Amino acid sequence: MKYVVVAAGLIVAVNLLAGDRGLPALLESRRDTARLTAQITVLRAENAALAARIHALTSDPATIEAVARQTLGLIRPDEIVVRVGRP
């Protein structure tokens, strides 16, 4: 009877240390959880920045004007364009 209990204990110990759901798998799972949590935090910050940019591009006149000037080369009616450099 003693041998059966010892054998069962050894099987459980080996399973804990080397099994598919043992200690190494648990540690790897915790590392993955920490890595993914950090990645989620970064993605949420990026998402918030993009949402703020969208809001500015749709409702902030200064941002809309800056984009129109940069990408479309637009100017105000009372401004004069002076080009410096090669023609």
PDB file of N, CA and C in Angstrom:
ATOM      1  N   MET A   1       0.823  -1.186   0.000  1.00  0.00           N
ATOM      2  CA  MET A   1       0.000   0.000   0.000  1.00  0.00           C
ATOM      3  C   MET A   1       0.871   1.256   0.000  1.00  0.00           C
ATOM      4  N   LYS A   2       2.002   1.188   0.754  1.00  0.00           N
ATOM      5  CA  LYS A   2       2.907   2.324   0.800  1.00  0.00           C
ATOM      6  C   LYS A   2       3.460   2.637  -0.578  1.00  0.00           C
ATOM      7  N   TYR A   3       3.783   1.602  -1.312  1.00  0.00           N
ATOM      8  CA  TYR A   3       4.370   1.792  -2.633  1.00  0.00           C
ATOM      9  C   TYR A   3       3.380   2.450  -3.605  1.00  0.00           C
ATOM     10  N   VAL A   4       2.131   2.130  -3.464  1.00  0.00           N
ATOM     11  CA  VAL A   4       1.109   2.702  -4.326  1.00  0.00           C
ATOM     12  C   VAL A   4       0.978   4.197  -4.052  1.00  0.00           C
ATOM     13  N   VAL A   5       1.002   4.574  -2.785  1.00  0.00           N
ATOM     14  CA  VAL A   5       0.897   5.978  -2.403  1.00  0.00           C
ATOM     15  C   VAL A   5       2.136   6.736  -2.873  1.00  0.00           C
ATOM     16  N   VAL A   6       3.309   6.147  -2.710  1.00  0.00           N
ATOM     17  CA  VAL A   6       4.550   6.790  -3.152  1.00  0.00           C
ATOM     18  C   VAL A   6       4.559   6.926  -4.669  1.00  0.00           C
ATOM     19  N   ALA A   7       4.143   5.878  -5.356  1.00  0.00           N
ATOM     20  CA  ALA A   7       4.101   5.917  -6.814  1.00  0.00           C
ATOM     21  C   ALA A   7       3.112   6.988  -7.288  1.00  0.00           C
ATOM     22  N   ALA A   8       1.971   7.061  -6.661  1.00  0.00           N
ATOM     23  CA  ALA A   8       0.983   8.071  -7.021  1.00  0.00           C
ATOM     24  C   ALA A   8       1.538   9.474  -6.757  1.00  0.00           C
ATOM     25  N   GLY A   9       2.228   9.636  -5.645  1.00  0.00           N
ATOM     26  CA  GLY A   9       2.847  10.919  -5.320  1.00  0.00           C
ATOM     27  C   GLY A   9       3.894  11.309  -6.347  1.00  0.00           C
ATOM     28  N   LEU A  10       4.695  10.345  -6.777  1.00  0.00           N
ATOM     29  CA  LEU A  10       5.702  10.614  -7.804  1.00  0.00           C
ATOM     30  C   LEU A  10       5.061  10.982  -9.138  1.00  0.00           C
ATOM     31  N   ILE A  11       4.007  10.295  -9.484  1.00  0.00           N
ATOM     32  CA  ILE A  11       3.312  10.607 -10.735  1.00  0.00           C
ATOM     33  C   ILE A  11       2.754  12.028 -10.688  1.00  0.00           C
ATOM     34  N   VAL A  12       2.159  12.404  -9.570  1.00  0.00           N
ATOM     35  CA  VAL A  12       1.619  13.759  -9.421  1.00  0.00           C
ATOM     36  C   VAL A  12       2.750  14.788  -9.481  1.00  0.00           C
ATOM     37  N   ALA A  13       3.867  14.518  -8.821  1.00  0.00           N
ATOM     38  CA  ALA A  13       4.999  15.447  -8.814  1.00  0.00           C
ATOM     39  C   ALA A  13       5.582  15.621 -10.215  1.00  0.00           C
ATOM     40  N   VAL A  14       5.754  14.523 -10.929  1.00  0.00           N
ATOM     41  CA  VAL A  14       6.281  14.595 -12.292  1.00  0.00           C
ATOM     42  C   VAL A  14       5.300  15.354 -13.185  1.00  0.00           C
ATOM     43  N   ASN A  15       4.023  15.102 -13.019  1.00  0.00           N
ATOM     44  CA  ASN A  15       3.009  15.780 -13.806  1.00  0.00           C
ATOM     45  C   ASN A  15       3.001  17.283 -13.525  1.00  0.00           C
ATOM     46  N   LEU A  16       3.209  17.651 -12.277  1.00  0.00           N
ATOM     47  CA  LEU A  16       3.262  19.068 -11.913  1.00  0.00           C
ATOM     48  C   LEU A  16       4.468  19.763 -12.538  1.00  0.00           C
ATOM     49  N   LEU A  17       5.587  19.081 -12.587  1.00  0.00           N
ATOM     50  CA  LEU A  17       6.818  19.697 -13.074  1.00  0.00           C
ATOM     51  C   LEU A  17       6.981  19.612 -14.584  1.00  0.00           C
ATOM     52  N   ALA A  18       6.424  18.602 -15.209  1.00  0.00           N
ATOM     53  CA  ALA A  18       6.687  18.414 -16.631  1.00  0.00           C
ATOM     54  C   ALA A  18       5.443  18.236 -17.476  1.00  0.00           C
ATOM     55  N   GLY A  19       4.293  18.249 -16.888  1.00  0.00           N
ATOM     56  CA  GLY A  19       3.067  18.003 -17.657  1.00  0.00           C
ATOM     57  C   GLY A  19       2.652  19.194 -18.498  1.00  0.00           C
ATOM     58  N   ASP A  20       1.670  18.970 -19.352  1.00  0.00           N
ATOM     59  CA  ASP A  20       1.162  20.027 -20.225  1.00  0.00           C
ATOM     60  C   ASP A  20       0.525  21.161 -19.430  1.00  0.00           C
ATOM     61  N   ARG A  21       0.031  20.853 -18.273  1.00  0.00           N
ATOM     62  CA  ARG A  21      -0.608  21.868 -17.423  1.00  0.00           C
ATOM     63  C   ARG A  21       0.165  22.058 -16.130  1.00  0.00           C
ATOM     64  N   GLY A  22       1.426  21.779 -16.160  1.00  0.00           N
ATOM     65  CA  GLY A  22       2.252  21.860 -14.966  1.00  0.00           C
ATOM     66  C   GLY A  22       2.779  23.255 -14.707  1.00  0.00           C
ATOM     67  N   LEU A  23       3.770  23.308 -13.857  1.00  0.00           N
ATOM     68  CA  LEU A  23       4.365  24.569 -13.432  1.00  0.00           C
ATOM     69  C   LEU A  23       4.973  25.365 -14.588  1.00  0.00           C
ATOM     70  N   PRO A  24       5.720  24.754 -15.501  1.00  0.00           N
ATOM     71  CA  PRO A  24       6.253  25.542 -16.625  1.00  0.00           C
ATOM     72  C   PRO A  24       5.156  26.175 -17.482  1.00  0.00           C
ATOM     73  N   ALA A  25       4.099  25.434 -17.699  1.00  0.00           N
ATOM     74  CA  ALA A  25       2.990  25.972 -18.488  1.00  0.00           C
ATOM     75  C   ALA A  25       2.320  27.130 -17.755  1.00  0.00           C
ATOM     76  N   LEU A  26       2.206  27.014 -16.450  1.00  0.00           N
ATOM     77  CA  LEU A  26       1.621  28.088 -15.654  1.00  0.00           C
ATOM     78  C   LEU A  26       2.482  29.341 -15.714  1.00  0.00           C
ATOM     79  N   LEU A  27       3.791  29.182 -15.586  1.00  0.00           N
ATOM     80  CA  LEU A  27       4.695  30.329 -15.648  1.00  0.00           C
ATOM     81  C   LEU A  27       4.667  30.985 -17.026  1.00  0.00           C
ATOM     82  N   GLU A  28       4.654  30.181 -18.069  1.00  0.00           N
ATOM     83  CA  GLU A  28       4.578  30.721 -19.423  1.00  0.00           C
ATOM     84  C   GLU A  28       3.256  31.452 -19.635  1.00  0.00           C
ATOM     85  N   SER A  29       2.202  30.916 -19.105  1.00  0.00           N
ATOM     86  CA  SER A  29       0.893  31.542 -19.211  1.00  0.00           C
ATOM     87  C   SER A  29       0.881  32.903 -18.509  1.00  0.00           C
ATOM     88  N   ARG A  30       1.517  32.991 -17.370  1.00  0.00           N
ATOM     89  CA  ARG A  30       1.598  34.270 -16.650  1.00  0.00           C
ATOM     90  C   ARG A  30       2.439  35.285 -17.413  1.00  0.00           C
ATOM     91  N   ARG A  31       3.537  34.834 -18.036  1.00  0.00           N
ATOM     92  CA  ARG A  31       4.356  35.737 -18.848  1.00  0.00           C
ATOM     93  C   ARG A  31       3.560  36.263 -20.039  1.00  0.00           C
ATOM     94  N   ASP A  32       2.821  35.361 -20.676  1.00  0.00           N
ATOM     95  CA  ASP A  32       1.990  35.762 -21.812  1.00  0.00           C
ATOM     96  C   ASP A  32       0.926  36.776 -21.383  1.00  0.00           C
ATOM     97  N   THR A  33       0.330  36.542 -20.225  1.00  0.00           N
ATOM     98  CA  THR A  33      -0.687  37.456 -19.716  1.00  0.00           C
ATOM     99  C   THR A  33      -0.092  38.836 -19.465  1.00  0.00           C
ATOM    100  N   ALA A  34       1.087  38.899 -18.870  1.00  0.00           N
ATOM    101  CA  ALA A  34       1.732  40.186 -18.602  1.00  0.00           C
ATOM    102  C   ALA A  34       2.087  40.896 -19.910  1.00  0.00           C
ATOM    103  N   ARG A  35       2.611  40.158 -20.871  1.00  0.00           N
ATOM    104  CA  ARG A  35       2.982  40.740 -22.162  1.00  0.00           C
ATOM    105  C   ARG A  35       1.757  41.270 -22.888  1.00  0.00           C
ATOM    106  N   LEU A  36       0.693  40.490 -22.902  1.00  0.00           N
ATOM    107  CA  LEU A  36      -0.525  40.906 -23.595  1.00  0.00           C
ATOM    108  C   LEU A  36      -1.207  42.079 -22.893  1.00  0.00           C
ATOM    109  N   THR A  37      -1.138  42.109 -21.574  1.00  0.00           N
ATOM    110  CA  THR A  37      -1.696  43.245 -20.836  1.00  0.00           C
ATOM    111  C   THR A  37      -0.955  44.525 -21.181  1.00  0.00           C
ATOM    112  N   ALA A  38       0.369  44.449 -21.268  1.00  0.00           N
ATOM    113  CA  ALA A  38       1.162  45.621 -21.653  1.00  0.00           C
ATOM    114  C   ALA A  38       0.834  46.041 -23.082  1.00  0.00           C
ATOM    115  N   GLN A  39       0.671  45.088 -23.969  1.00  0.00           N
ATOM    116  CA  GLN A  39       0.336  45.389 -25.357  1.00  0.00           C
ATOM    117  C   GLN A  39      -1.047  46.041 -25.454  1.00  0.00           C
ATOM    118  N   ILE A  40      -1.992  45.578 -24.673  1.00  0.00           N
ATOM    119  CA  ILE A  40      -3.332  46.159 -24.656  1.00  0.00           C
ATOM    120  C   ILE A  40      -3.270  47.604 -24.175  1.00  0.00           C
ATOM    121  N   THR A  41      -2.456  47.876 -23.159  1.00  0.00           N
ATOM    122  CA  THR A  41      -2.308  49.236 -22.650  1.00  0.00           C
ATOM    123  C   THR A  41      -1.769  50.165 -23.733  1.00  0.00           C
ATOM    124  N   VAL A  42      -0.754  49.710 -24.462  1.00  0.00           N
ATOM    125  CA  VAL A  42      -0.182  50.514 -25.547  1.00  0.00           C
ATOM    126  C   VAL A  42      -1.220  50.751 -26.634  1.00  0.00           C
ATOM    127  N   LEU A  43      -1.947  49.723 -27.019  1.00  0.00           N
ATOM    128  CA  LEU A  43      -2.957  49.858 -28.065  1.00  0.00           C
ATOM    129  C   LEU A  43      -4.098  50.778 -27.649  1.00  0.00           C
ATOM    130  N   ARG A  44      -4.481  50.734 -26.374  1.00  0.00           N
ATOM    131  CA  ARG A  44      -5.526  51.642 -25.897  1.00  0.00           C
ATOM    132  C   ARG A  44      -5.054  53.089 -25.953  1.00  0.00           C
ATOM    133  N   ALA A  45      -3.791  53.331 -25.614  1.00  0.00           N
ATOM    134  CA  ALA A  45      -3.247  54.689 -25.689  1.00  0.00           C
ATOM    135  C   ALA A  45      -3.207  55.171 -27.140  1.00  0.00           C
ATOM    136  N   GLU A  46      -2.780  54.307 -28.046  1.00  0.00           N
ATOM    137  CA  GLU A  46      -2.776  54.658 -29.474  1.00  0.00           C
ATOM    138  C   GLU A  46      -4.194  54.941 -29.971  1.00  0.00           C
ATOM    139  N   ASN A  47      -5.135  54.135 -29.532  1.00  0.00           N
ATOM    140  CA  ASN A  47      -6.527  54.310 -29.932  1.00  0.00           C
ATOM    141  C   ASN A  47      -7.062  55.646 -29.428  1.00  0.00           C
ATOM    142  N   ALA A  48      -6.740  56.011 -28.199  1.00  0.00           N
ATOM    143  CA  ALA A  48      -7.187  57.288 -27.650  1.00  0.00           C
ATOM    144  C   ALA A  48      -6.574  58.453 -28.424  1.00  0.00           C
ATOM    145  N   ALA A  49      -5.292  58.334 -28.782  1.00  0.00           N
ATOM    146  CA  ALA A  49      -4.637  59.395 -29.558  1.00  0.00           C
ATOM    147  C   ALA A  49      -5.279  59.533 -30.936  1.00  0.00           C
ATOM    148  N   LEU A  50      -5.575  58.419 -31.567  1.00  0.00           N
ATOM    149  CA  LEU A  50      -6.230  58.460 -32.878  1.00  0.00           C
ATOM    150  C   LEU A  50      -7.644  59.040 -32.787  1.00  0.00           C
ATOM    151  N   ALA A  51      -8.359  58.700 -31.738  1.00  0.00           N
ATOM    152  CA  ALA A  51      -9.703  59.248 -31.552  1.00  0.00           C
ATOM    153  C   ALA A  51      -9.634  60.756 -31.351  1.00  0.00           C
ATOM    154  N   ALA A  52      -8.636  61.221 -30.597  1.00  0.00           N
ATOM    155  CA  ALA A  52      -8.468  62.659 -30.403  1.00  0.00           C
ATOM    156  C   ALA A  52      -8.124  63.345 -31.726  1.00  0.00           C
ATOM    157  N   ARG A  53      -7.295  62.710 -32.529  1.00  0.00           N
ATOM    158  CA  ARG A  53      -6.929  63.266 -33.835  1.00  0.00           C
ATOM    159  C   ARG A  53      -8.160  63.335 -34.749  1.00  0.00           C
ATOM    160  N   ILE A  54      -8.975  62.297 -34.748  1.00  0.00           N
ATOM    161  CA  ILE A  54     -10.205  62.291 -35.550  1.00  0.00           C
ATOM    162  C   ILE A  54     -11.120  63.424 -35.106  1.00  0.00           C
ATOM    163  N   HIS A  55     -11.262  63.569 -33.805  1.00  0.00           N
ATOM    164  CA  HIS A  55     -12.111  64.636 -33.281  1.00  0.00           C
ATOM    165  C   HIS A  55     -11.584  66.000 -33.724  1.00  0.00           C
ATOM    166  N   ALA A  56     -10.264  66.201 -33.648  1.00  0.00           N
ATOM    167  CA  ALA A  56      -9.672  67.473 -34.060  1.00  0.00           C
ATOM    168  C   ALA A  56      -9.867  67.709 -35.558  1.00  0.00           C
ATOM    169  N   LEU A  57      -9.717  66.664 -36.347  1.00  0.00           N
ATOM    170  CA  LEU A  57      -9.850  66.812 -37.802  1.00  0.00           C
ATOM    171  C   LEU A  57     -11.287  67.071 -38.245  1.00  0.00           C
ATOM    172  N   THR A  58     -12.238  66.716 -37.424  1.00  0.00           N
ATOM    173  CA  THR A  58     -13.636  66.914 -37.805  1.00  0.00           C
ATOM    174  C   THR A  58     -14.274  68.133 -37.154  1.00  0.00           C
ATOM    175  N   SER A  59     -13.677  68.654 -36.076  1.00  0.00           N
ATOM    176  CA  SER A  59     -14.373  69.735 -35.387  1.00  0.00           C
ATOM    177  C   SER A  59     -13.495  70.921 -34.983  1.00  0.00           C
ATOM    178  N   ASP A  60     -12.188  70.818 -35.054  1.00  0.00           N
ATOM    179  CA  ASP A  60     -11.309  71.911 -34.644  1.00  0.00           C
ATOM    180  C   ASP A  60     -10.893  72.724 -35.871  1.00  0.00           C
ATOM    181  N   PRO A  61     -11.345  73.962 -35.969  1.00  0.00           N
ATOM    182  CA  PRO A  61     -11.026  74.772 -37.155  1.00  0.00           C
ATOM    183  C   PRO A  61      -9.522  74.968 -37.378  1.00  0.00           C
ATOM    184  N   ALA A  62      -8.748  75.120 -36.336  1.00  0.00           N
ATOM    185  CA  ALA A  62      -7.300  75.310 -36.499  1.00  0.00           C
ATOM    186  C   ALA A  62      -6.640  74.076 -37.097  1.00  0.00           C
ATOM    187  N   THR A  63      -7.055  72.900 -36.659  1.00  0.00           N
ATOM    188  CA  THR A  63      -6.491  71.661 -37.208  1.00  0.00           C
ATOM    189  C   THR A  63      -6.904  71.481 -38.661  1.00  0.00           C
ATOM    190  N   ILE A  64      -8.161  71.750 -38.948  1.00  0.00           N
ATOM    191  CA  ILE A  64      -8.649  71.631 -40.326  1.00  0.00           C
ATOM    192  C   ILE A  64      -7.892  72.591 -41.237  1.00  0.00           C
ATOM    193  N   GLU A  65      -7.684  73.823 -40.768  1.00  0.00           N
ATOM    194  CA  GLU A  65      -6.941  74.796 -41.563  1.00  0.00           C
ATOM    195  C   GLU A  65      -5.500  74.359 -41.781  1.00  0.00           C
ATOM    196  N   ALA A  66      -4.864  73.842 -40.747  1.00  0.00           N
ATOM    197  CA  ALA A  66      -3.472  73.400 -40.879  1.00  0.00           C
ATOM    198  C   ALA A  66      -3.344  72.280 -41.899  1.00  0.00           C
ATOM    199  N   VAL A  67      -4.260  71.344 -41.876  1.00  0.00           N
ATOM    200  CA  VAL A  67      -4.222  70.235 -42.831  1.00  0.00           C
ATOM    201  C   VAL A  67      -4.490  70.745 -44.242  1.00  0.00           C
ATOM    202  N   ALA A  68      -5.443  71.663 -44.386  1.00  0.00           N
ATOM    203  CA  ALA A  68      -5.746  72.208 -45.710  1.00  0.00           C
ATOM    204  C   ALA A  68      -4.545  72.968 -46.263  1.00  0.00           C
ATOM    205  N   ARG A  69      -3.852  73.702 -45.425  1.00  0.00           N
ATOM    206  CA  ARG A  69      -2.673  74.440 -45.883  1.00  0.00           C
ATOM    207  C   ARG A  69      -1.545  73.487 -46.283  1.00  0.00           C
ATOM    208  N   GLN A  70      -1.327  72.458 -45.483  1.00  0.00           N
ATOM    209  CA  GLN A  70      -0.217  71.537 -45.748  1.00  0.00           C
ATOM    210  C   GLN A  70      -0.474  70.646 -46.955  1.00  0.00           C
ATOM    211  N   THR A  71      -1.624  70.024 -46.980  1.00  0.00           N
ATOM    212  CA  THR A  71      -1.850  69.016 -48.019  1.00  0.00           C
ATOM    213  C   THR A  71      -2.383  69.596 -49.322  1.00  0.00           C
ATOM    214  N   LEU A  72      -3.194  70.643 -49.221  1.00  0.00           N
ATOM    215  CA  LEU A  72      -3.810  71.193 -50.426  1.00  0.00           C
ATOM    216  C   LEU A  72      -3.168  72.493 -50.892  1.00  0.00           C
ATOM    217  N   GLY A  73      -2.310  73.056 -50.050  1.00  0.00           N
ATOM    218  CA  GLY A  73      -1.649  74.301 -50.407  1.00  0.00           C
ATOM    219  C   GLY A  73      -2.599  75.492 -50.426  1.00  0.00           C
ATOM    220  N   LEU A  74      -3.653  75.432 -49.657  1.00  0.00           N
ATOM    221  CA  LEU A  74      -4.641  76.509 -49.636  1.00  0.00           C
ATOM    222  C   LEU A  74      -4.128  77.717 -48.847  1.00  0.00           C
ATOM    223  N   ILE A  75      -4.613  78.884 -49.231  1.00  0.00           N
ATOM    224  CA  ILE A  75      -4.280  80.120 -48.520  1.00  0.00           C
ATOM    225  C   ILE A  75      -5.568  80.907 -48.300  1.00  0.00           C
ATOM    226  N   ARG A  76      -5.492  81.887 -47.411  1.00  0.00           N
ATOM    227  CA  ARG A  76      -6.637  82.765 -47.167  1.00  0.00           C
ATOM    228  C   ARG A  76      -6.698  83.813 -48.278  1.00  0.00           C
ATOM    229  N   PRO A  77      -7.878  84.372 -48.508  1.00  0.00           N
ATOM    230  CA  PRO A  77      -8.013  85.369 -49.577  1.00  0.00           C
ATOM    231  C   PRO A  77      -7.129  86.604 -49.383  1.00  0.00           C
ATOM    232  N   ASP A  78      -6.830  86.985 -48.152  1.00  0.00           N
ATOM    233  CA  ASP A  78      -6.040  88.188 -47.913  1.00  0.00           C
ATOM    234  C   ASP A  78      -4.537  87.915 -47.803  1.00  0.00           C
ATOM    235  N   GLU A  79      -4.106  86.706 -48.068  1.00  0.00           N
ATOM    236  CA  GLU A  79      -2.681  86.356 -47.985  1.00  0.00           C
ATOM    237  C   GLU A  79      -2.024  86.424 -49.365  1.00  0.00           C
ATOM    238  N   ILE A  80      -0.722  86.683 -49.362  1.00  0.00           N
ATOM    239  CA  ILE A  80       0.055  86.710 -50.590  1.00  0.00           C
ATOM    240  C   ILE A  80       1.105  85.619 -50.495  1.00  0.00           C
ATOM    241  N   VAL A  81       1.228  84.812 -51.526  1.00  0.00           N
ATOM    242  CA  VAL A  81       2.204  83.730 -51.552  1.00  0.00           C
ATOM    243  C   VAL A  81       3.508  84.254 -52.141  1.00  0.00           C
ATOM    244  N   VAL A  82       4.593  84.065 -51.416  1.00  0.00           N
ATOM    245  CA  VAL A  82       5.911  84.442 -51.883  1.00  0.00           C
ATOM    246  C   VAL A  82       6.751  83.170 -51.930  1.00  0.00           C
ATOM    247  N   ARG A  83       7.197  82.786 -53.107  1.00  0.00           N
ATOM    248  CA  ARG A  83       7.995  81.585 -53.260  1.00  0.00           C
ATOM    249  C   ARG A  83       9.464  81.955 -53.247  1.00  0.00           C
ATOM    250  N   VAL A  84      10.233  81.246 -52.467  1.00  0.00           N
ATOM    251  CA  VAL A  84      11.660  81.484 -52.379  1.00  0.00           C
ATOM    252  C   VAL A  84      12.369  80.216 -52.831  1.00  0.00           C
ATOM    253  N   GLY A  85      13.312  80.375 -53.734  1.00  0.00           N
ATOM    254  CA  GLY A  85      14.044  79.206 -54.194  1.00  0.00           C
ATOM    255  C   GLY A  85      13.952  79.084 -55.702  1.00  0.00           C
ATOM    256  N   ARG A  86      14.231  77.932 -56.177  1.00  0.00           N
ATOM    257  CA  ARG A  86      14.229  77.678 -57.626  1.00  0.00           C
ATOM    258  C   ARG A  86      12.820  77.726 -58.182  1.00  0.00           C
ATOM    259  N   PRO A  87      12.686  78.178 -59.419  1.00  0.00           N
ATOM    260  CA  PRO A  87      11.360  78.209 -60.055  1.00  0.00           C
ATOM    261  C   PRO A  87      10.899  76.834 -60.464  1.00  0.00           C
TER     262      PRO A  87
END
